[in-house]
C-alpha atoms as a PDB file:
ATOM      1  CA  MET A   1      -0.030  -0.108  -0.074  1.00  0.00           C
ATOM      2  CA  LEU A   2       3.030   2.236  -0.361  1.00  0.00           C
ATOM      3  CA  ALA A   3       1.160   4.036  -3.266  1.00  0.00           C
ATOM      4  CA  GLY A   4      -2.062   4.407  -1.331  1.00  0.00           C
ATOM      5  CA  HIS A   5      -0.103   6.292   1.382  1.00  0.00           C
ATOM      6  CA  PHE A   6       1.435   8.447  -1.070  1.00  0.00           C
ATOM      7  CA  GLY A   7      -1.841   9.345  -2.675  1.00  0.00           C
ATOM      8  CA  VAL A   8      -3.034  10.557   0.732  1.00  0.00           C
ATOM      9  CA  ALA A   9      -0.206  12.922   0.842  1.00  0.00           C
ATOM     10  CA  GLY A  10      -1.384  14.301  -2.588  1.00  0.00           C
ATOM     11  CA  ILE A  11      -4.877  14.700  -1.427  1.00  0.00           C
ATOM     12  CA  VAL A  12      -3.736  16.406   1.964  1.00  0.00           C
ATOM     13  CA  LYS A  13      -1.447  18.610  -0.221  1.00  0.00           C
ATOM     14  CA  ALA A  14      -4.495  19.666  -2.437  1.00  0.00           C
ATOM     15  CA  TRP A  15      -6.344  20.402   1.003  1.00  0.00           C
ATOM     16  CA  ARG A  16      -3.366  22.362   2.517  1.00  0.00           C
ATOM     17  CA  PRO A  17      -1.169  23.802  -0.184  1.00  0.00           C
ATOM     18  CA  ALA A  18       0.960  25.648   2.431  1.00  0.00           C
ATOM     19  CA  LEU A  19       2.336  22.248   3.818  1.00  0.00           C
ATOM     20  CA  PRO A  20       5.437  21.042   1.798  1.00  0.00           C
ATOM     21  CA  MET A  21       4.699  17.962  -0.389  1.00  0.00           C
ATOM     22  CA  GLY A  22       7.950  16.206   0.838  1.00  0.00           C
ATOM     23  CA  VAL A  23       6.886  16.666   4.428  1.00  0.00           C
ATOM     24  CA  LEU A  24       3.562  15.127   3.618  1.00  0.00           C
ATOM     25  CA  LEU A  25       5.159  12.203   1.701  1.00  0.00           C
ATOM     26  CA  VAL A  26       7.469  11.445   4.582  1.00  0.00           C
ATOM     27  CA  ALA A  27       4.665  11.848   7.052  1.00  0.00           C
ATOM     28  CA  SER A  28       2.289   9.313   5.180  1.00  0.00           C
ATOM     29  CA  GLN A  29       5.234   6.679   5.248  1.00  0.00           C
ATOM     30  CA  VAL A  30       6.589   7.129   8.902  1.00  0.00           C
ATOM     31  CA  PRO A  31       5.536   3.608  10.100  1.00  0.00           C
ATOM     32  CA  ASP A  32       7.332   1.953   7.186  1.00  0.00           C
ATOM     33  CA  ILE A  33      10.579   4.302   7.592  1.00  0.00           C
ATOM     34  CA  VAL A  34      10.452   3.143  11.371  1.00  0.00           C
ATOM     35  CA  PHE A  35      10.126  -0.452  10.032  1.00  0.00           C
ATOM     36  CA  LEU A  36      12.993  -0.554   7.809  1.00  0.00           C
ATOM     37  CA  PRO A  37      15.887  -0.486  10.589  1.00  0.00           C
ATOM     38  CA  LEU A  38      13.827  -2.740  12.625  1.00  0.00           C
ATOM     39  CA  SER A  39      13.615  -5.228   9.772  1.00  0.00           C
ATOM     40  CA  LEU A  40      17.441  -4.886   9.171  1.00  0.00           C
ATOM     41  CA  ALA A  41      17.818  -5.559  12.807  1.00  0.00           C
ATOM     42  CA  GLY A  42      15.622  -8.871  12.482  1.00  0.00           C
ATOM     43  CA  VAL A  43      13.254  -7.331  15.086  1.00  0.00           C
ATOM     44  CA  GLU A  44      10.470  -7.097  12.376  1.00  0.00           C
ATOM     45  CA  ARG A  45      10.029  -8.900   9.079  1.00  0.00           C
ATOM     46  CA  LEU A  46       8.314  -9.704   5.729  1.00  0.00           C
ATOM     47  CA  GLU A  47       7.328 -13.130   4.870  1.00  0.00           C
ATOM     48  CA  PRO A  48       5.028 -14.663   2.245  1.00  0.00           C
ATOM     49  CA  ALA A  49       1.441 -15.212   3.736  1.00  0.00           C
ATOM     50  CA  ALA A  50       1.123 -18.895   2.412  1.00  0.00           C
ATOM     51  CA  PRO A  51       3.832 -20.875   1.272  1.00  0.00           C
ATOM     52  CA  GLY A  52       4.893 -20.120  -2.216  1.00  0.00           C
ATOM     53  CA  ALA A  53       2.791 -16.715  -2.215  1.00  0.00           C
ATOM     54  CA  ALA A  54       3.903 -13.992  -4.420  1.00  0.00           C
ATOM     55  CA  GLY A  55       2.709 -10.771  -5.802  1.00  0.00           C
ATOM     56  CA  TYR A  56       0.435  -7.716  -4.644  1.00  0.00           C
ATOM     57  CA  GLY A  57      -0.707  -8.024  -1.101  1.00  0.00           C
ATOM     58  CA  SER A  58       1.004 -11.467  -0.609  1.00  0.00           C
ATOM     59  CA  LEU A  59       3.087 -10.756   2.358  1.00  0.00           C
ATOM     60  CA  LEU A  60       2.304 -11.292   6.082  1.00  0.00           C
ATOM     61  CA  ILE A  61       3.845  -8.226   8.011  1.00  0.00           C
ATOM     62  CA  THR A  62       5.530  -8.860  11.503  1.00  0.00           C
ATOM     63  CA  ALA A  63       5.804  -5.304  12.573  1.00  0.00           C
ATOM     64  CA  GLU A  64       4.569  -5.455  16.175  1.00  0.00           C
ATOM     65  CA  TYR A  65       6.484  -2.299  17.022  1.00  0.00           C
ATOM     66  CA  SER A  66       6.484   0.087  13.992  1.00  0.00           C
ATOM     67  CA  HIS A  67       2.965  -0.630  13.016  1.00  0.00           C
ATOM     68  CA  ALA A  68       1.469  -1.193  16.648  1.00  0.00           C
ATOM     69  CA  LEU A  69      -1.831   1.121  17.235  1.00  0.00           C
ATOM     70  CA  LEU A  70      -0.004   2.766  20.451  1.00  0.00           C
ATOM     71  CA  SER A  71       3.375   3.254  18.453  1.00  0.00           C
ATOM     72  CA  ASN A  72       1.467   5.028  15.628  1.00  0.00           C
ATOM     73  CA  VAL A  73      -0.411   7.219  17.876  1.00  0.00           C
ATOM     74  CA  LEU A  74       2.910   8.227  19.408  1.00  0.00           C
ATOM     75  CA  MET A  75       4.869   8.671  16.229  1.00  0.00           C
ATOM     76  CA  ALA A  76       1.706  10.762  14.918  1.00  0.00           C
ATOM     77  CA  ALA A  77       1.730  12.996  18.026  1.00  0.00           C
ATOM     78  CA  LEU A  78       5.732  13.365  17.788  1.00  0.00           C
ATOM     79  CA  ALA A  79       5.627  14.308  14.058  1.00  0.00           C
ATOM     80  CA  GLY A  80       2.733  16.767  14.790  1.00  0.00           C
ATOM     81  CA  TRP A  81       4.632  18.457  17.762  1.00  0.00           C
ATOM     82  CA  LEU A  82       7.824  18.639  15.645  1.00  0.00           C
ATOM     83  CA  VAL A  83       5.843  20.461  12.717  1.00  0.00           C
ATOM     84  CA  HIS A  84       4.362  22.654  15.264  1.00  0.00           C
ATOM     85  CA  VAL A  85       7.662  23.734  16.906  1.00  0.00           C
ATOM     86  CA  LEU A  86       9.942  23.820  13.896  1.00  0.00           C
ATOM     87  CA  ALA A  87       7.357  25.548  11.456  1.00  0.00           C
ATOM     88  CA  ARG A  88       6.005  27.994  14.088  1.00  0.00           C
ATOM     89  CA  GLY A  89       2.992  28.645  12.022  1.00  0.00           C
ATOM     90  CA  ARG A  90       4.522  29.060   8.620  1.00  0.00           C
ATOM     91  CA  TRP A  91       2.212  26.442   7.179  1.00  0.00           C
ATOM     92  CA  GLY A  92      -0.819  27.221   9.031  1.00  0.00           C
ATOM     93  CA  ALA A  93      -1.793  27.012  12.892  1.00  0.00           C
ATOM     94  CA  ASP A  94      -2.995  23.665  12.659  1.00  0.00           C
ATOM     95  CA  ALA A  95      -0.173  22.165  10.509  1.00  0.00           C
ATOM     96  CA  GLY A  96       1.012  20.069  13.394  1.00  0.00           C
ATOM     97  CA  TRP A  97      -2.599  18.628  13.574  1.00  0.00           C
ATOM     98  CA  VAL A  98      -2.621  17.844   9.771  1.00  0.00           C
ATOM     99  CA  VAL A  99       0.802  16.269   9.699  1.00  0.00           C
ATOM    100  CA  ALA A 100      -0.114  14.076  12.815  1.00  0.00           C
ATOM    101  CA  GLY A 101      -3.234  13.114  10.935  1.00  0.00           C
ATOM    102  CA  THR A 102      -1.256  12.123   7.795  1.00  0.00           C
ATOM    103  CA  VAL A 103       1.042  10.039   9.820  1.00  0.00           C
ATOM    104  CA  PHE A 104      -1.830   8.357  11.613  1.00  0.00           C
ATOM    105  CA  SER A 105      -3.537   7.651   8.154  1.00  0.00           C
ATOM    106  CA  HIS A 106      -0.931   5.158   7.590  1.00  0.00           C
ATOM    107  CA  TRP A 107      -2.250   2.755  10.257  1.00  0.00           C
ATOM    108  CA  LEU A 108      -5.814   3.319   9.248  1.00  0.00           C
ATOM    109  CA  LEU A 109      -5.083   2.191   5.564  1.00  0.00           C
ATOM    110  CA  ASP A 110      -2.774  -0.809   6.814  1.00  0.00           C
ATOM    111  CA  LEU A 111      -5.822  -1.571   9.186  1.00  0.00           C
ATOM    112  CA  LEU A 112      -8.065  -1.839   5.997  1.00  0.00           C
ATOM    113  CA  VAL A 113      -5.648  -4.048   3.940  1.00  0.00           C
ATOM    114  CA  HIS A 114      -3.363  -6.010   6.436  1.00  0.00           C
ATOM    115  CA  ARG A 115      -4.487  -9.511   7.480  1.00  0.00           C
ATOM    116  CA  PRO A 116      -4.639  -9.714  11.119  1.00  0.00           C
ATOM    117  CA  ASP A 117      -1.074  -8.989  11.987  1.00  0.00           C
ATOM    118  CA  ILE A 118      -1.318  -5.590  13.450  1.00  0.00           C
ATOM    119  CA  ALA A 119      -0.665  -5.172  17.253  1.00  0.00           C
ATOM    120  CA  VAL A 120      -2.546  -2.915  19.611  1.00  0.00           C
ATOM    121  CA  PHE A 121       0.755  -2.313  21.903  1.00  0.00           C
ATOM    122  CA  PRO A 122       4.157  -2.295  20.814  1.00  0.00           C
ATOM    123  CA  GLY A 123       5.664  -5.848  20.967  1.00  0.00           C
ATOM    124  CA  ASN A 124       2.179  -7.218  21.137  1.00  0.00           C
ATOM    125  CA  ALA A 125       2.366  -6.466  24.970  1.00  0.00           C
ATOM    126  CA  GLY A 126      -0.688  -7.880  26.589  1.00  0.00           C
ATOM    127  CA  GLY A 127      -1.265 -10.459  23.763  1.00  0.00           C
ATOM    128  CA  LEU A 128      -4.420  -8.772  22.402  1.00  0.00           C
ATOM    129  CA  PRO A 129      -5.854 -10.231  19.330  1.00  0.00           C
ATOM    130  CA  LEU A 130      -4.018  -8.732  16.143  1.00  0.00           C
ATOM    131  CA  LEU A 131      -5.831  -6.325  13.942  1.00  0.00           C
ATOM    132  CA  GLY A 132      -6.380  -6.225  10.339  1.00  0.00           C
ATOM    133  CA  PHE A 133      -9.576  -6.556   7.997  1.00  0.00           C
ATOM    134  CA  GLY A 134      -7.467  -8.646   5.305  1.00  0.00           C
ATOM    135  CA  LEU A 135      -8.412  -6.577   1.995  1.00  0.00           C
ATOM    136  CA  TRP A 136      -5.407  -7.869   0.450  1.00  0.00           C
ATOM    137  CA  GLU A 137      -7.167 -11.311   0.519  1.00  0.00           C
ATOM    138  CA  HIS A 138      -9.192  -9.671  -2.219  1.00  0.00           C
ATOM    139  CA  VAL A 139      -6.407  -8.554  -4.805  1.00  0.00           C
ATOM    140  CA  LEU A 140      -8.636  -6.824  -7.091  1.00  0.00           C
ATOM    141  CA  THR A 141     -10.618  -4.822  -4.630  1.00  0.00           C
ATOM    142  CA  ALA A 142      -7.372  -3.825  -2.554  1.00  0.00           C
ATOM    143  CA  ALA A 143      -5.937  -2.693  -5.876  1.00  0.00           C
ATOM    144  CA  LEU A 144      -9.064  -0.688  -6.658  1.00  0.00           C
ATOM    145  CA  VAL A 145      -8.879   0.957  -3.371  1.00  0.00           C
ATOM    146  CA  GLU A 146      -5.386   1.662  -3.622  1.00  0.00           C
ATOM    147  CA  GLY A 147      -5.538   2.902  -7.151  1.00  0.00           C
ATOM    148  CA  THR A 148      -8.429   5.261  -6.043  1.00  0.00           C
ATOM    149  CA  LEU A 149      -6.120   6.872  -3.521  1.00  0.00           C
ATOM    150  CA  VAL A 150      -3.439   7.381  -6.196  1.00  0.00           C
ATOM    151  CA  VAL A 151      -5.832   8.720  -8.861  1.00  0.00           C
ATOM    152  CA  ALA A 152      -7.247  10.933  -6.244  1.00  0.00           C
ATOM    153  CA  GLY A 153      -3.927  12.245  -4.982  1.00  0.00           C
ATOM    154  CA  ILE A 154      -2.722  12.847  -8.559  1.00  0.00           C
ATOM    155  CA  ALA A 155      -5.834  14.489  -9.728  1.00  0.00           C
ATOM    156  CA  LEU A 156      -6.211  16.974  -6.618  1.00  0.00           C
ATOM    157  CA  TYR A 157      -2.507  17.614  -6.319  1.00  0.00           C
ATOM    158  CA  THR A 158      -2.390  18.582  -9.933  1.00  0.00           C
ATOM    159  CA  TRP A 159      -5.742  20.597  -9.920  1.00  0.00           C
ATOM    160  CA  ARG A 160      -4.683  22.617  -6.927  1.00  0.00           C
ATOM    161  CA  THR A 161      -0.933  23.236  -8.224  1.00  0.00           C
ATOM    162  CA  LEU A 162      -1.987  24.155 -11.784  1.00  0.00           C
ATOM    163  CA  ARG A 163      -4.789  26.520 -10.149  1.00  0.00           C
ATOM    164  CA  GLU A 164      -2.568  28.346  -7.882  1.00  0.00           C
ATOM    165  CA  HIS A 165       1.097  28.143  -9.014  1.00  0.00           C
ATOM    166  CA  PRO A 166       2.222  31.501 -10.796  1.00  0.00           C
ATOM    167  CA  SER A 167       4.053  29.715 -13.397  1.00  0.00           C
ATOM    168  CA  ARG A 168       2.069  27.130 -15.476  1.00  0.00           C
ATOM    169  CA  VAL A 169       5.213  25.449 -16.721  1.00  0.00           C
ATOM    170  CA  ARG A 170       6.613  24.649 -13.186  1.00  0.00           C
ATOM    171  CA  ALA A 171       3.223  23.827 -11.958  1.00  0.00           C
ATOM    172  CA  ALA A 172       2.919  21.149 -14.783  1.00  0.00           C
ATOM    173  CA  LEU A 173       6.258  19.819 -13.987  1.00  0.00           C
ATOM    174  CA  TYR A 174       5.662  19.651 -10.537  1.00  0.00           C
ATOM    175  CA  SER A 175       2.310  17.729 -11.149  1.00  0.00           C
ATOM    176  CA  ALA A 176       4.000  15.274 -13.713  1.00  0.00           C
ATOM    177  CA  GLY A 177       6.794  14.643 -11.026  1.00  0.00           C
ATOM    178  CA  ILE A 178       4.183  13.769  -8.485  1.00  0.00           C
ATOM    179  CA  ALA A 179       2.108  11.817 -11.000  1.00  0.00           C
ATOM    180  CA  LEU A 180       5.118   9.799 -12.003  1.00  0.00           C
ATOM    181  CA  LEU A 181       5.982   9.089  -8.113  1.00  0.00           C
ATOM    182  CA  LEU A 182       2.570   8.186  -7.308  1.00  0.00           C
ATOM    183  CA  ALA A 183       1.791   5.981 -10.530  1.00  0.00           C
ATOM    184  CA  GLY A 184       5.455   4.392 -10.403  1.00  0.00           C
ATOM    185  CA  SER A 185       5.047   3.365  -6.532  1.00  0.00           C
ATOM    186  CA  PHE A 186       1.492   1.933  -7.552  1.00  0.00           C
ATOM    187  CA  ILE A 187       3.054  -0.231 -10.050  1.00  0.00           C
ATOM    188  CA  ILE A 188       5.735  -1.431  -7.863  1.00  0.00           C
ATOM    189  CA  ASP A 189       3.085  -2.214  -5.373  1.00  0.00           C
ATOM    190  CA  LEU A 190       0.954  -4.166  -8.127  1.00  0.00           C
ATOM    191  CA  THR A 191       4.124  -6.223  -9.317  1.00  0.00           C
ATOM    192  CA  GLY A 192       5.368  -6.930  -5.853  1.00  0.00           C
END
């Protein structure tokens, strides 16, 4: 769902043009960014959901720290606080809240597509049932949801950029770059 998260960044950018797109792209991927070093350290991992499974949505993600509900609430709060402190209102009085929401949107989308592999507390403390609605079990539906987020992100970002940027040429180049990023990440998601 890499591309779907990027799609959310494009949607948010259209809604809040003062926020830098780079900040929103990173915010939409914070749990996956945290996952990378944990995965390299062997704390978290990716593995086929079933023997021989391959392709879109075929991985079982063991990410009991980076993707736990409480971890994501804390990462969203930290990101929002950092934006509030560092941006000092340059991106709007509520920019911290918007960035925090973008960070947390990652967890919400993952809840929708993941199989039950998302912990409530870091390290699955308390042994509560794992969460996930498993939309990846229905590959076409999952791809349609993700594709819709990508198309919405591209369309809204492009519409807002072309409408408000003083240079039509630059606006078209920015929009084309974001469209390539989102569409490319969707192709990578689909081809696994």
